[in-house]
Protein backbone atom coordinates (compact mmCIF):
# COMPACT_ATOMS: atom_id res chain seq x y z
CA MET A 1 105.19 117.23 87.89
CA ARG A 2 107.07 119.97 86.04
CA TYR A 3 106.49 121.64 82.78
CA LEU A 4 108.48 123.74 79.71
CA THR A 5 106.87 126.03 77.64
CA ALA A 6 108.09 127.32 74.42
CA GLY A 7 107.51 130.32 71.68
CA GLU A 8 107.12 133.59 71.00
CA SER A 9 104.53 136.03 70.74
CA HIS A 10 104.02 136.18 66.85
CA GLY A 11 105.66 133.02 66.14
CA PRO A 12 104.25 129.79 64.83
CA GLN A 13 102.65 128.21 67.73
CA LEU A 14 103.15 127.92 71.69
CA THR A 15 103.99 124.64 73.10
CA THR A 16 104.22 123.14 76.51
CA ILE A 17 105.42 119.59 77.41
CA ILE A 18 104.04 118.24 80.93
CA GLU A 19 105.62 115.64 82.99
CA GLY A 20 104.77 113.72 86.08
CA LEU A 21 101.06 113.32 85.18
CA PRO A 22 99.71 109.92 86.85
CA ALA A 23 98.68 107.62 84.41
CA GLY A 24 94.78 106.99 83.78
CA MET A 25 93.42 110.36 84.47
CA PRO A 26 90.89 111.59 82.11
CA LEU A 27 92.19 114.41 80.06
CA VAL A 28 90.43 115.71 76.38
CA ALA A 29 90.87 118.83 74.27
CA GLU A 30 87.89 120.50 75.92
CA ASP A 31 89.29 120.32 79.34
CA ILE A 32 91.76 122.52 78.09
CA ASN A 33 90.12 124.81 75.67
CA TYR A 34 87.49 126.01 78.19
CA GLU A 35 89.95 127.71 80.36
CA LEU A 36 91.93 129.12 77.13
CA GLN A 37 88.54 130.68 76.04
CA ARG A 38 87.92 131.91 79.81
CA ARG A 39 91.70 133.57 79.41
CA GLN A 40 90.88 135.52 76.05
CA LYS A 41 87.33 137.29 78.08
CA GLY A 42 87.61 140.54 79.89
CA HIS A 43 86.44 144.02 79.03
CA GLY A 44 89.79 145.88 78.56
CA ARG A 45 91.40 143.19 76.23
CA GLY A 46 93.30 144.43 73.06
CA ARG A 47 92.96 143.37 69.31
CA ARG A 48 94.94 140.19 69.76
CA MET A 49 92.27 138.62 71.00
CA GLN A 50 90.03 139.25 68.01
CA ILE A 51 93.01 137.73 66.00
CA GLU A 52 93.69 134.77 67.92
CA LYS A 53 90.83 132.09 68.95
CA ASP A 54 93.26 129.74 70.80
CA THR A 55 92.56 126.18 70.85
CA ALA A 56 94.88 123.33 71.98
CA GLU A 57 95.81 120.27 70.35
CA ILE A 58 96.99 117.32 72.56
CA MET A 59 99.88 116.05 70.74
CA ALA A 60 101.26 113.28 73.09
CA GLY A 61 100.69 111.57 76.32
CA VAL A 62 96.96 110.73 76.14
CA ARG A 63 95.21 107.65 74.86
CA HIS A 64 91.65 107.36 74.24
CA GLY A 65 90.97 110.33 77.01
CA LEU A 66 93.36 108.88 79.45
CA THR A 67 96.92 110.10 80.22
CA LEU A 68 99.59 107.40 79.66
CA GLY A 69 101.71 108.25 82.35
CA SER A 70 104.41 109.66 79.67
CA PRO A 71 104.92 113.48 78.95
CA VAL A 72 101.48 115.53 77.72
CA ALA A 73 102.53 117.74 75.06
CA LEU A 74 100.18 120.61 74.00
CA VAL A 75 100.33 122.84 71.34
CA VAL A 76 98.40 126.27 70.61
CA GLU A 77 98.76 127.25 67.10
CA ASN A 78 99.08 131.20 66.66
CA ASN A 79 96.88 132.54 63.67
CA ASP A 80 98.48 135.66 63.37
CA TRP A 81 101.79 133.77 62.15
CA LYS A 82 101.10 134.57 58.51
CA HIS A 83 101.62 137.69 58.85
CA TRP A 84 104.82 137.43 60.55
CA THR A 85 106.60 135.01 58.90
CA LYS A 86 109.47 137.04 57.42
CA ILE A 87 109.93 138.90 60.91
CA MET A 88 110.10 135.63 62.52
CA GLY A 89 111.04 133.12 60.32
CA GLN A 90 113.54 130.40 61.83
CA ALA A 91 115.88 130.22 58.85
CA PRO A 92 119.25 132.33 58.53
CA LEU A 93 118.83 135.96 56.74
CA GLU A 94 120.71 136.01 53.15
CA LEU A 95 123.32 138.83 53.44
CA ASP A 96 121.02 141.21 51.62
CA GLU A 97 118.71 140.55 53.45
CA GLU A 98 120.55 141.46 57.22
CA ASN A 99 119.39 145.17 57.05
CA ASP A 100 116.10 144.71 55.62
CA VAL A 101 114.28 143.03 58.56
CA LYS A 102 111.37 144.92 59.38
CA ARG A 103 109.91 145.83 62.80
CA LYS A 104 113.25 146.02 64.76
CA ILE A 105 113.03 147.56 68.02
CA SER A 106 115.93 149.67 69.44
CA ARG A 107 114.09 151.55 71.60
CA PRO A 108 113.18 149.57 75.12
CA ARG A 109 109.54 150.55 76.69
CA PRO A 110 109.57 151.11 80.25
CA GLY A 111 108.44 148.85 82.78
CA HIS A 112 109.02 145.49 80.08
CA ALA A 113 111.98 143.27 79.85
CA ASP A 114 112.94 144.63 76.58
CA LEU A 115 116.44 146.77 78.17
CA ASN A 116 117.79 144.17 81.11
CA GLY A 117 116.71 141.18 78.72
CA ALA A 118 119.02 142.78 75.80
CA LEU A 119 121.92 143.61 78.18
CA LYS A 120 121.80 140.10 79.66
CA TYR A 121 121.87 138.17 75.98
CA GLY A 122 123.27 140.75 73.91
CA HIS A 123 120.58 141.54 71.68
CA ARG A 124 120.72 144.72 69.53
CA ASP A 125 117.14 143.87 67.97
CA MET A 126 115.13 144.03 71.19
CA ARG A 127 112.23 141.98 69.52
CA ASN A 128 114.29 138.82 70.21
CA VAL A 129 113.49 140.00 73.93
CA LEU A 130 109.87 141.02 74.02
CA GLU A 131 108.57 138.09 72.07
CA ARG A 132 109.23 135.81 74.49
CA SER A 133 108.80 138.37 77.83
CA SER A 134 105.22 138.95 76.05
CA ALA A 135 102.25 137.81 78.27
CA ARG A 136 101.11 135.71 75.14
CA GLU A 137 103.21 132.92 76.96
CA THR A 138 100.66 132.72 79.60
CA THR A 139 98.04 130.98 77.14
CA VAL A 140 100.01 127.53 77.51
CA ARG A 141 100.72 128.13 81.14
CA VAL A 142 96.61 128.53 81.48
CA ALA A 143 96.55 125.07 79.27
CA ALA A 144 98.76 123.22 81.68
CA GLY A 145 96.98 125.03 84.59
CA ALA A 146 93.86 123.31 82.96
CA VAL A 147 95.40 119.88 83.27
CA ALA A 148 96.15 120.46 86.80
CA LYS A 149 92.77 121.79 87.28
CA LYS A 150 91.50 118.56 85.83
CA LEU A 151 93.95 116.56 88.32
CA LEU A 152 92.19 118.68 91.38
CA THR A 153 88.55 118.67 90.25
CA SER A 154 88.72 114.93 90.10
CA LEU A 155 89.94 114.28 93.48
CA GLY A 156 87.34 116.61 94.92
CA ILE A 157 88.99 119.92 95.00
CA ASN A 158 87.73 123.06 93.00
CA ILE A 159 89.26 126.27 92.33
CA ALA A 160 87.92 129.78 91.66
CA SER A 161 88.90 133.10 90.75
CA HIS A 162 87.11 136.79 91.02
CA VAL A 163 88.62 140.57 90.54
CA ILE A 164 88.25 142.67 93.77
CA GLU A 165 89.95 145.64 92.34
CA ILE A 166 90.70 147.60 89.43
CA GLY A 167 92.44 151.21 89.01
CA GLY A 168 91.14 152.02 92.57
CA VAL A 169 87.45 150.68 92.06
CA LYS A 170 86.87 148.23 95.15
CA ALA A 171 84.23 145.86 94.97
CA GLU A 172 82.67 146.53 98.49
CA SER A 173 80.47 143.21 98.23
CA LYS A 174 82.34 140.20 98.11
CA HIS A 175 79.08 137.84 98.66
CA PHE A 176 78.61 134.51 97.23
CA GLU A 177 77.03 131.27 99.05
CA SER A 178 79.58 128.53 97.33
CA LEU A 179 82.12 128.33 94.83
CA SER A 180 80.08 127.23 92.18
CA GLU A 181 77.79 130.26 92.82
CA LEU A 182 81.21 132.48 92.25
CA ILE A 183 82.13 130.75 89.26
CA GLU A 184 78.52 131.45 88.00
CA LYS A 185 78.90 135.02 88.59
CA THR A 186 82.02 135.89 87.65
CA GLU A 187 81.78 134.08 84.49
CA GLN A 188 78.67 136.57 83.55
CA SER A 189 81.00 139.58 84.56
CA PRO A 190 82.96 141.16 81.80
CA VAL A 191 85.54 142.05 84.54
CA ARG A 192 84.90 138.66 87.02
CA CYS A 193 83.52 140.63 89.79
CA VAL A 194 80.80 139.70 92.00
CA ASP A 195 79.60 143.11 92.92
CA PRO A 196 77.34 144.53 89.88
CA VAL A 197 77.88 148.28 91.31
CA ALA A 198 81.99 147.97 91.29
CA GLU A 199 81.72 146.06 87.98
CA LYS A 200 80.01 148.79 86.14
CA GLU A 201 82.54 151.27 87.85
CA MET A 202 85.56 148.77 86.53
CA MET A 203 84.41 149.18 83.21
CA LYS A 204 83.97 152.61 83.10
CA ALA A 205 87.74 153.00 84.46
CA ILE A 206 89.10 151.01 81.91
CA ASP A 207 87.21 152.98 79.38
CA ASP A 208 88.41 156.01 80.41
CA ALA A 209 92.03 154.78 80.70
CA LYS A 210 91.91 153.61 76.91
CA GLN A 211 90.51 156.88 75.78
CA ASN A 212 93.44 158.63 77.40
CA GLY A 213 96.00 155.97 76.04
CA ASP A 214 96.49 154.74 79.48
CA SER A 215 96.61 151.46 81.22
CA ILE A 216 95.25 150.02 84.96
CA GLY A 217 95.99 147.27 86.95
CA GLY A 218 93.99 145.69 89.96
CA ILE A 219 93.82 142.76 92.49
CA VAL A 220 92.56 139.32 91.87
CA GLU A 221 91.88 136.35 93.93
CA VAL A 222 91.88 133.03 93.88
CA ILE A 223 89.70 130.61 96.23
CA VAL A 224 90.31 126.62 96.54
CA GLU A 225 88.27 124.29 98.38
CA GLY A 226 88.61 120.87 99.23
CA MET A 227 92.55 120.54 99.56
CA PRO A 228 93.39 118.00 102.40
CA SER A 229 95.28 119.40 105.69
CA GLY A 230 98.96 118.91 105.97
CA VAL A 231 100.07 119.20 102.00
CA GLY A 232 103.29 120.91 101.86
CA SER A 233 106.10 120.89 104.30
CA TYR A 234 107.60 122.94 107.27
CA VAL A 235 110.86 121.16 107.02
CA HIS A 236 112.76 123.54 104.62
CA TYR A 237 111.75 126.97 102.93
CA ASP A 238 111.73 125.36 99.62
CA ARG A 239 108.91 123.16 100.55
CA LYS A 240 106.43 125.32 101.85
CA LEU A 241 103.46 125.12 99.50
CA ASP A 242 102.37 128.94 100.56
CA ALA A 243 105.99 129.78 99.39
CA LYS A 244 105.74 128.09 96.17
CA ILE A 245 102.30 129.65 95.41
CA ALA A 246 103.52 132.89 96.11
CA ALA A 247 106.15 132.34 93.86
CA ALA A 248 104.14 131.39 91.09
CA ILE A 249 101.62 133.96 91.56
CA VAL A 250 104.57 136.51 91.00
CA SER A 251 105.87 134.81 88.22
CA ILE A 252 103.03 135.88 86.13
CA ASN A 253 103.36 138.75 83.90
CA ALA A 254 102.92 142.17 85.60
CA PHE A 255 102.17 141.01 89.01
CA LYS A 256 103.95 142.60 91.71
CA GLY A 257 102.69 141.30 95.02
CA VAL A 258 100.65 138.30 96.70
CA GLU A 259 99.10 137.83 100.00
CA PHE A 260 97.35 134.83 102.15
CA GLY A 261 94.17 135.26 104.11
CA ILE A 262 93.86 138.71 105.37
CA GLY A 263 97.51 139.55 104.70
CA PHE A 264 99.05 142.65 105.06
CA GLU A 265 96.31 143.62 107.18
CA ALA A 266 98.11 141.00 109.47
CA ALA A 267 100.66 143.99 110.33
CA ARG A 268 97.96 146.25 111.61
CA LYS A 269 96.29 143.74 114.12
CA PRO A 270 96.97 141.80 117.31
CA GLY A 271 97.84 138.25 117.38
CA SER A 272 94.45 137.26 118.69
CA GLU A 273 92.88 138.79 115.70
CA VAL A 274 95.18 137.05 113.37
CA HIS A 275 95.64 133.28 114.09
CA ASP A 276 92.68 131.24 113.63
CA GLU A 277 91.38 129.06 116.81
CA ILE A 278 91.31 125.22 116.38
CA ILE A 279 88.05 123.29 116.86
CA TRP A 280 87.17 119.43 116.59
CA ASN A 281 83.97 117.50 115.94
CA GLN A 282 83.41 114.03 114.88
CA GLU A 283 81.85 114.82 111.31
CA GLN A 284 84.48 117.14 110.10
CA GLY A 285 87.84 116.25 112.26
CA TYR A 286 89.84 119.34 112.97
CA THR A 287 88.88 122.59 111.60
CA ARG A 288 89.76 126.18 112.05
CA ARG A 289 86.82 129.02 113.81
CA THR A 290 88.46 131.46 111.58
CA ASN A 291 90.48 131.37 108.50
CA ARG A 292 92.53 134.56 108.43
CA LEU A 293 95.55 133.07 107.75
CA GLY A 294 94.29 132.04 104.06
CA GLY A 295 94.48 128.10 104.62
CA PHE A 296 98.16 127.74 105.48
CA GLU A 297 100.27 127.41 108.76
CA GLY A 298 103.73 126.75 108.95
CA GLY A 299 104.23 125.99 105.07
CA MET A 300 101.26 123.33 104.72
CA THR A 301 97.52 123.58 104.07
CA THR A 302 94.95 123.44 107.03
CA GLY A 303 92.44 122.41 105.38
CA GLU A 304 90.26 125.50 105.46
CA PRO A 305 89.79 127.11 101.98
CA ILE A 306 92.87 128.59 100.54
CA VAL A 307 92.44 132.30 99.68
CA VAL A 308 95.38 134.11 97.84
CA ARG A 309 95.30 137.31 96.49
CA GLY A 310 97.61 139.05 93.73
CA VAL A 311 98.23 142.26 92.60
CA MET A 312 98.70 143.26 89.04
CA LYS A 313 100.21 146.48 87.87
CA PRO A 314 99.17 148.59 84.96
CA ILE A 315 100.21 147.19 81.25
CA PRO A 316 103.36 149.18 80.26
CA THR A 317 102.74 149.21 76.73
CA LEU A 318 100.84 152.45 76.42
CA TYR A 319 99.28 154.28 73.63
CA LYS A 320 100.26 157.41 75.36
CA PRO A 321 104.16 155.70 75.45
CA LEU A 322 106.51 156.98 77.92
CA GLN A 323 109.97 158.33 77.36
CA SER A 324 113.04 156.04 76.71
CA VAL A 325 116.34 156.24 75.24
CA ASP A 326 117.21 154.32 71.59
CA ILE A 327 120.13 151.91 72.24
CA GLU A 328 121.51 152.61 68.89
CA THR A 329 121.86 156.53 68.84
CA LYS A 330 121.48 157.11 72.69
CA GLU A 331 118.86 159.92 72.04
CA PRO A 332 115.62 160.09 73.83
CA PHE A 333 112.40 158.93 72.13
CA SER A 334 108.85 157.66 72.94
CA ALA A 335 108.62 154.29 73.57
CA SER A 336 107.80 151.79 70.84
CA ILE A 337 104.22 150.78 70.81
CA GLU A 338 103.22 147.04 70.59
CA ARG A 339 99.41 145.74 70.45
CA SER A 340 98.21 145.80 73.85
CA ASP A 341 95.14 146.03 76.32
CA SER A 342 94.09 148.83 78.17
CA CYS A 343 93.39 146.21 81.40
CA ALA A 344 93.99 142.70 81.49
CA VAL A 345 93.01 142.29 85.33
CA PRO A 346 90.02 140.03 84.51
CA ALA A 347 91.83 137.61 82.46
CA ALA A 348 94.84 137.90 84.76
CA ALA A 349 92.32 136.06 87.31
CA VAL A 350 91.81 133.19 85.11
CA VAL A 351 96.09 132.96 85.01
CA ALA A 352 96.25 133.13 88.34
CA GLU A 353 93.94 130.09 88.88
CA SER A 354 96.13 128.01 86.74
CA ALA A 355 99.07 129.18 88.65
CA VAL A 356 97.66 128.24 92.25
CA ALA A 357 96.31 124.95 90.40
CA TRP A 358 99.71 123.67 89.11
CA GLU A 359 101.41 124.06 92.38
CA LEU A 360 98.40 122.32 94.36
CA ALA A 361 98.36 119.43 91.59
CA SER A 362 102.05 119.17 92.07
CA ALA A 363 102.16 119.47 95.74
CA LEU A 364 99.88 116.42 95.71
CA VAL A 365 101.71 114.53 93.28
CA GLU A 366 104.96 114.81 95.18
CA GLN A 367 103.16 113.69 98.67
CA PHE A 368 101.23 110.80 97.53
CA TYR A 369 102.00 107.52 95.27
CA ALA A 370 101.04 109.29 91.47
CA ASP A 371 102.06 106.95 89.17
CA ARG A 372 98.42 105.73 88.57
CA PHE A 373 95.43 108.07 89.26
CA ASP A 374 93.36 105.57 90.80
CA LYS A 375 96.20 105.00 93.37
CA LEU A 376 96.46 108.46 93.66
CA ALA A 377 92.89 109.07 94.26
CA ASP A 378 92.58 106.11 97.11
CA GLN A 379 95.62 107.35 99.05
CA VAL A 380 93.94 110.98 98.87
CA ARG A 381 90.77 109.59 100.05
CA GLU A 382 92.53 107.36 102.68
CA TYR A 383 94.60 110.60 104.23
CA ARG A 384 91.29 112.75 104.66
CA GLU A 385 89.75 110.04 106.62
CA TYR A 386 93.32 109.48 108.83
CA ALA A 387 93.21 113.34 109.26
CA ARG A 388 89.66 113.49 110.13
CA GLU A 389 90.41 110.65 112.76
CA PHE A 390 93.38 111.76 114.09
């Protein structure tokens, strides 16, 4: 499986084309739009979420609610495009228009791709960079992830996420009886946190940052239950599934770190408190007494829940802008301001879910016969039985 996305933040639409889905998998627009709606929630989101009410149209690859096995094309229109047609239009400019383009950007913003992208591609107007490097692109990444989640849930694999830290406020209580309870609690929380005390403190921290013209980051956790053991590979570095998930998490805008299970805490513990003892019983087969390694050993799934966390830095677009330098005059200026959020950690949890879901679905399609969804489901079921009886 693979996908590409196209589109600019203020362009007419965002597009993704997904290749490699099995034929005969149930898929309707509602499966995707539910996830897009989740991405737009969260205390601390900016004005863009009031403008865009994201919905996806399935333009190809699905007929009568089932995938065809051919590429699936999804489109999300930008409602704000009507205000940007002259600024972001595709047609060449007339000679008398070249010096009249509005909202040119020559002042790179610290923490963004502006300056590096301009150097790489030779753009003197850095809007050419920021329009694509914007986190708006994660809209269709979530759309692609929604398709992957549909594949996973249809195979009995469930995924959820929650926020465990925002702006230094940590969730002390992370208790939930089941993944369905976690989902229920986080969907009702403005910051996707299961700790009601921390939730209020997180919201206050976001409000304080906004009032101060600042932004804050945090940590999200993604949990997956139901993945069969032995998915991935120990044979080559680029086939290790945890490595692919780590790359996917860090590829999300503003994410700067990732860990599995107890993660970096493993550096401070002896091996006896890090590794997971193997046990066996007739009903479940091989399981682990603990899950400190977060569901992975040797680049492969262990069958235990996958637990992966990502750290998101504060959004660098500040209403109290940082110092920068104009690339035309080389004079110091306060960095340009684009519409932004004071905190997008709750929404980033949904994006992280999608990133993890995509890598898991892709690994399953790679490891098992996947031209037909019914055959894929049969193979995964047979493999689970084989692993239990091994």
